[in-house]
Amino acid sequence: MQTLTVIIPTYNEAQYLEGALYSVKFADEIIVVDSMSNDDTVKIATDHGCKVITRKFDNFSNQKNHALQFATSDWVLFLDGDERITYTLQKELLNAMKTNKHTGYKLNFPHFYMNRFLYHHYNDVTRLVRRDKCHFEGNVHEKLVVKGSVGMLKNKVLHYTYKGLLHYISKKDSYAWFQADRLLSKGKNMNYFHLAFKPIYRFFHEYIIRRGFLDGIPGLAVSAINSYGVFSRYAKIMLLKKGLK
């Protein structure tokens, strides 16, 4: 019988964590790797019988690779505190583990914003993988590297992506600093063309090509804020170059 470990990275997720834990109570083991939260995150995880690992945050890949060392199951599912596994997805992923057709599987994450799921703003991300066949690379938008084939599960993850407008914009700004620093360290050349064109293209791609307009006003808002996130990234590269952070 194939076993499953769920790894959940956290920082001040007390508001959402309990729901995530209930949704994966079918797992054989749950590991919470916490970045020194100052709310009740650790208490909630402990009360639910999770294995809690506390580690000072440096980047997303290191955080998850560290937690991976403590996993003991055949398979690992990586989940965030604001994500939920539905019962139909539970059955599908357990069956995928049993058939063992692929080394890893992608899950579909429609974004949740303004009290609705946005089915034209989504990500397909590899999250279910054999424990001994994976590792993470990258600092901001970390990538799960899988040794073997990767399949796709059809049932969707409930992802309560953004906790309001200010949280959304704050998250984009925070990521932008990480991305700007990483691009600058790689010698990325940036000019005013990037600053003007890249945000416009991001909006066009999400709102028109990916049909975000079908998600109504929330779709428009998400496309606009994501466009701002691209602008923020390149603006911060300029600031870093001038030593103005």
Protein backbone atom coordinates (compact mmCIF):
# COMPACT_ATOMS: atom_id res chain seq x y z
CA MET A 1 0.00 0.00 0.00
CA GLN A 2 1.33 3.41 -1.03
CA THR A 3 1.68 5.98 1.76
CA LEU A 4 1.37 9.77 1.64
CA THR A 5 3.06 12.64 3.46
CA VAL A 6 1.60 16.15 3.15
CA ILE A 7 4.05 19.04 3.57
CA ILE A 8 2.60 22.47 4.38
CA PRO A 9 4.91 25.53 4.62
CA THR A 10 3.45 28.21 6.89
CA TYR A 11 3.90 31.72 8.20
CA ASN A 12 1.06 33.21 10.23
CA GLU A 13 -1.56 30.91 8.68
CA ALA A 14 -3.72 30.51 11.80
CA GLN A 15 -6.77 31.85 9.98
CA TYR A 16 -6.62 29.22 7.23
CA LEU A 17 -4.48 26.30 8.40
CA GLU A 18 -7.14 24.28 10.19
CA GLY A 19 -9.21 23.98 7.03
CA ALA A 20 -6.19 22.73 5.09
CA LEU A 21 -5.42 20.14 7.77
CA TYR A 22 -8.99 18.81 7.80
CA SER A 23 -8.89 18.44 4.02
CA VAL A 24 -5.81 16.16 4.16
CA LYS A 25 -6.59 14.15 7.29
CA PHE A 26 -6.58 11.04 5.07
CA ALA A 27 -2.76 11.36 4.75
CA ASP A 28 -0.44 9.06 6.66
CA GLU A 29 1.72 11.97 7.83
CA ILE A 30 1.45 15.77 7.84
CA ILE A 31 4.56 17.94 8.18
CA VAL A 32 4.23 21.67 8.84
CA VAL A 33 7.42 23.63 8.17
CA ASP A 34 6.91 26.98 9.87
CA SER A 35 8.84 30.20 9.23
CA MET A 36 8.67 31.37 12.86
CA SER A 37 5.01 32.45 12.94
CA ASN A 38 3.91 34.80 15.71
CA ASP A 39 0.25 33.73 15.72
CA ASP A 40 -1.36 30.38 16.63
CA THR A 41 -0.14 28.52 13.54
CA VAL A 42 2.22 26.17 15.41
CA LYS A 43 -0.35 25.47 18.16
CA ILE A 44 -3.00 24.55 15.58
CA ALA A 45 -0.59 22.25 13.76
CA THR A 46 0.49 20.59 17.02
CA ASP A 47 -3.11 20.14 18.18
CA HIS A 48 -3.84 18.30 14.94
CA GLY A 49 -0.95 15.91 15.47
CA CYS A 50 1.31 17.30 12.78
CA LYS A 51 5.07 16.99 12.78
CA VAL A 52 6.16 20.63 13.18
CA ILE A 53 9.54 21.85 11.94
CA THR A 54 10.55 25.44 12.67
CA ARG A 55 13.01 27.03 10.27
CA LYS A 56 13.95 30.64 9.59
CA PHE A 57 12.82 31.50 6.08
CA ASP A 58 15.47 32.20 3.45
CA ASN A 59 13.74 31.09 0.26
CA PHE A 60 10.88 28.82 -0.79
CA SER A 61 12.99 26.05 -2.29
CA ASN A 62 15.22 25.64 0.77
CA GLN A 63 12.21 25.65 3.06
CA LYS A 64 10.51 22.79 1.21
CA ASN A 65 13.70 20.82 0.55
CA HIS A 66 14.41 20.96 4.28
CA ALA A 67 10.96 19.61 5.14
CA LEU A 68 11.31 16.90 2.50
CA GLN A 69 14.15 15.36 4.49
CA PHE A 70 11.71 14.53 7.31
CA ALA A 71 9.09 12.84 5.12
CA THR A 72 8.80 9.06 5.50
CA SER A 73 6.07 8.11 3.00
CA ASP A 74 6.28 6.83 -0.57
CA TRP A 75 4.58 9.94 -1.94
CA VAL A 76 4.58 13.62 -0.96
CA LEU A 77 1.85 16.19 -1.55
CA PHE A 78 2.90 19.84 -1.17
CA LEU A 79 0.04 22.08 0.00
CA ASP A 80 -0.24 25.68 1.20
CA GLY A 81 -2.24 26.74 4.22
CA ASP A 82 -4.89 28.46 2.09
CA GLU A 83 -5.49 25.41 -0.13
CA ARG A 84 -8.01 22.59 0.27
CA ILE A 85 -8.16 19.08 -1.18
CA THR A 86 -11.73 18.12 -2.11
CA TYR A 87 -13.09 14.61 -1.57
CA THR A 88 -13.17 13.90 -5.32
CA LEU A 89 -9.56 15.06 -5.69
CA GLN A 90 -8.61 12.93 -2.67
CA LYS A 91 -9.96 9.81 -4.40
CA GLU A 92 -8.24 10.73 -7.65
CA LEU A 93 -4.81 11.31 -6.15
CA LEU A 94 -4.98 8.14 -4.02
CA ASN A 95 -5.83 6.18 -7.16
CA ALA A 96 -2.94 7.87 -9.00
CA MET A 97 -0.57 6.77 -6.23
CA LYS A 98 -1.91 3.23 -6.42
CA THR A 99 -1.59 2.87 -10.19
CA ASN A 100 1.90 4.42 -10.08
CA LYS A 101 1.71 5.40 -13.76
CA HIS A 102 3.74 8.57 -13.33
CA THR A 103 6.45 9.81 -10.96
CA GLY A 104 4.60 13.07 -10.30
CA TYR A 105 1.29 14.79 -10.97
CA LYS A 106 0.19 18.33 -11.68
CA LEU A 107 -2.84 19.79 -9.89
CA ASN A 108 -5.09 22.56 -11.17
CA PHE A 109 -5.46 25.69 -9.01
CA PRO A 110 -8.20 28.15 -10.03
CA HIS A 111 -7.68 31.45 -8.18
CA PHE A 112 -10.24 32.63 -5.63
CA TYR A 113 -10.94 36.35 -5.48
CA MET A 114 -13.92 38.55 -4.59
CA ASN A 115 -15.85 35.53 -3.27
CA ARG A 116 -15.63 33.40 -6.40
CA PHE A 117 -13.30 30.96 -8.13
CA LEU A 118 -11.78 32.33 -11.33
CA TYR A 119 -11.60 29.43 -13.75
CA HIS A 120 -9.72 31.46 -16.36
CA HIS A 121 -7.07 32.56 -13.88
CA TYR A 122 -5.42 29.35 -12.81
CA ASN A 123 -2.14 27.48 -12.49
CA ASP A 124 -1.25 23.86 -13.22
CA VAL A 125 1.47 22.99 -10.73
CA THR A 126 3.32 19.77 -9.92
CA ARG A 127 2.48 19.04 -6.27
CA LEU A 128 2.12 15.24 -5.91
CA VAL A 129 5.37 13.32 -6.38
CA ARG A 130 7.30 10.27 -5.28
CA ARG A 131 9.40 11.31 -2.29
CA ASP A 132 12.73 9.99 -3.59
CA LYS A 133 12.33 11.47 -7.07
CA CYS A 134 12.11 15.20 -6.48
CA HIS A 135 13.70 18.39 -5.23
CA PHE A 136 12.99 22.12 -5.48
CA GLU A 137 14.96 24.76 -7.37
CA GLY A 138 14.52 28.55 -7.52
CA ASN A 139 14.07 31.21 -4.86
CA VAL A 140 10.70 32.87 -5.55
CA HIS A 141 8.56 30.87 -7.95
CA GLU A 142 10.17 27.62 -6.92
CA LYS A 143 10.08 24.69 -9.32
CA LEU A 144 9.59 21.09 -8.27
CA VAL A 145 12.06 19.07 -10.33
CA VAL A 146 10.85 15.52 -10.92
CA LYS A 147 12.94 12.57 -12.12
CA GLY A 148 10.41 10.82 -14.35
CA SER A 149 7.12 11.45 -16.14
CA VAL A 150 4.51 13.90 -14.84
CA GLY A 151 0.76 13.36 -15.29
CA MET A 152 -2.22 15.65 -14.72
CA LEU A 153 -5.10 15.22 -12.28
CA LYS A 154 -8.46 16.60 -13.42
CA ASN A 155 -10.17 17.56 -10.13
CA LYS A 156 -9.37 21.03 -8.87
CA VAL A 157 -7.74 22.27 -5.67
CA LEU A 158 -9.70 24.90 -3.75
CA HIS A 159 -7.23 27.75 -3.45
CA TYR A 160 -8.25 30.80 -1.42
CA THR A 161 -5.57 32.78 -3.15
CA TYR A 162 -5.95 36.36 -1.98
CA LYS A 163 -7.25 37.61 1.34
CA GLY A 164 -8.39 40.99 0.03
CA LEU A 165 -7.11 43.77 -2.22
CA LEU A 166 -4.40 45.08 0.13
CA HIS A 167 -3.11 41.55 0.80
CA TYR A 168 -3.01 40.87 -2.95
CA ILE A 169 -1.02 44.03 -3.76
CA SER A 170 1.28 43.49 -0.76
CA LYS A 171 1.99 39.94 -1.92
CA LYS A 172 2.85 41.17 -5.41
CA ASP A 173 5.22 43.80 -3.99
CA SER A 174 6.90 41.25 -1.74
CA TYR A 175 7.44 38.82 -4.62
CA ALA A 176 8.67 41.66 -6.82
CA TRP A 177 11.63 42.33 -4.50
CA PHE A 178 12.63 38.65 -4.61
CA GLN A 179 12.26 38.50 -8.39
CA ALA A 180 14.13 41.76 -8.95
CA ASP A 181 17.04 40.63 -6.78
CA ARG A 182 17.20 37.26 -8.57
CA LEU A 183 17.10 38.81 -12.06
CA LEU A 184 19.73 41.37 -11.12
CA SER A 185 22.04 38.66 -9.76
CA LYS A 186 21.74 36.89 -13.14
CA GLY A 187 22.83 40.05 -14.97
CA LYS A 188 19.37 40.81 -16.36
CA ASN A 189 19.41 43.91 -18.55
CA MET A 190 16.39 46.11 -18.01
CA ASN A 191 15.31 49.24 -19.89
CA TYR A 192 12.24 51.43 -20.14
CA PHE A 193 10.84 49.17 -22.86
CA HIS A 194 10.48 46.39 -20.28
CA LEU A 195 8.92 48.81 -17.82
CA ALA A 196 6.30 49.94 -20.35
CA PHE A 197 5.65 46.88 -22.53
CA LYS A 198 5.88 43.90 -20.17
CA PRO A 199 3.01 44.98 -17.85
CA ILE A 200 0.76 45.71 -20.86
CA TYR A 201 1.51 42.33 -22.36
CA ARG A 202 0.78 40.56 -19.04
CA PHE A 203 -2.63 42.23 -18.87
CA PHE A 204 -3.40 41.38 -22.51
CA HIS A 205 -2.29 37.77 -22.07
CA GLU A 206 -4.35 37.16 -18.94
CA TYR A 207 -7.44 39.15 -19.79
CA ILE A 208 -7.74 38.41 -23.52
CA ILE A 209 -5.68 35.35 -24.50
CA ARG A 210 -6.51 33.35 -21.34
CA ARG A 211 -10.07 34.78 -21.42
CA GLY A 212 -9.95 36.37 -18.00
CA PHE A 213 -12.82 38.61 -19.15
CA LEU A 214 -15.10 35.59 -18.68
CA ASP A 215 -14.46 35.86 -14.93
CA GLY A 216 -16.21 39.25 -14.82
CA ILE A 217 -15.07 42.12 -12.61
CA PRO A 218 -12.84 39.83 -10.47
CA GLY A 219 -11.10 38.70 -13.66
CA LEU A 220 -10.46 42.31 -14.64
CA ALA A 221 -9.11 43.13 -11.18
CA VAL A 222 -6.76 40.13 -11.09
CA SER A 223 -5.41 40.86 -14.59
CA ALA A 224 -4.77 44.50 -13.64
CA ILE A 225 -3.03 43.67 -10.36
CA ASN A 226 -0.88 40.99 -11.98
CA SER A 227 0.11 43.56 -14.58
CA TYR A 228 1.06 45.89 -11.74
CA GLY A 229 3.16 43.08 -10.25
CA VAL A 230 5.23 42.92 -13.46
CA PHE A 231 5.66 46.72 -13.44
CA SER A 232 6.71 46.57 -9.78
CA ARG A 233 9.34 43.91 -10.54
CA TYR A 234 11.09 46.00 -13.18
CA ALA A 235 10.76 49.22 -11.18
CA LYS A 236 12.47 47.49 -8.27
CA ILE A 237 15.32 46.36 -10.52
CA MET A 238 15.94 50.03 -11.25
CA LEU A 239 15.87 50.85 -7.56
CA LEU A 240 18.29 48.04 -6.72
CA LYS A 241 20.68 49.16 -9.44
CA LYS A 242 20.71 52.62 -7.87
CA GLY A 243 21.07 51.22 -4.35
CA LEU A 244 17.74 52.70 -3.28
CA LYS A 245 16.09 49.70 -1.59
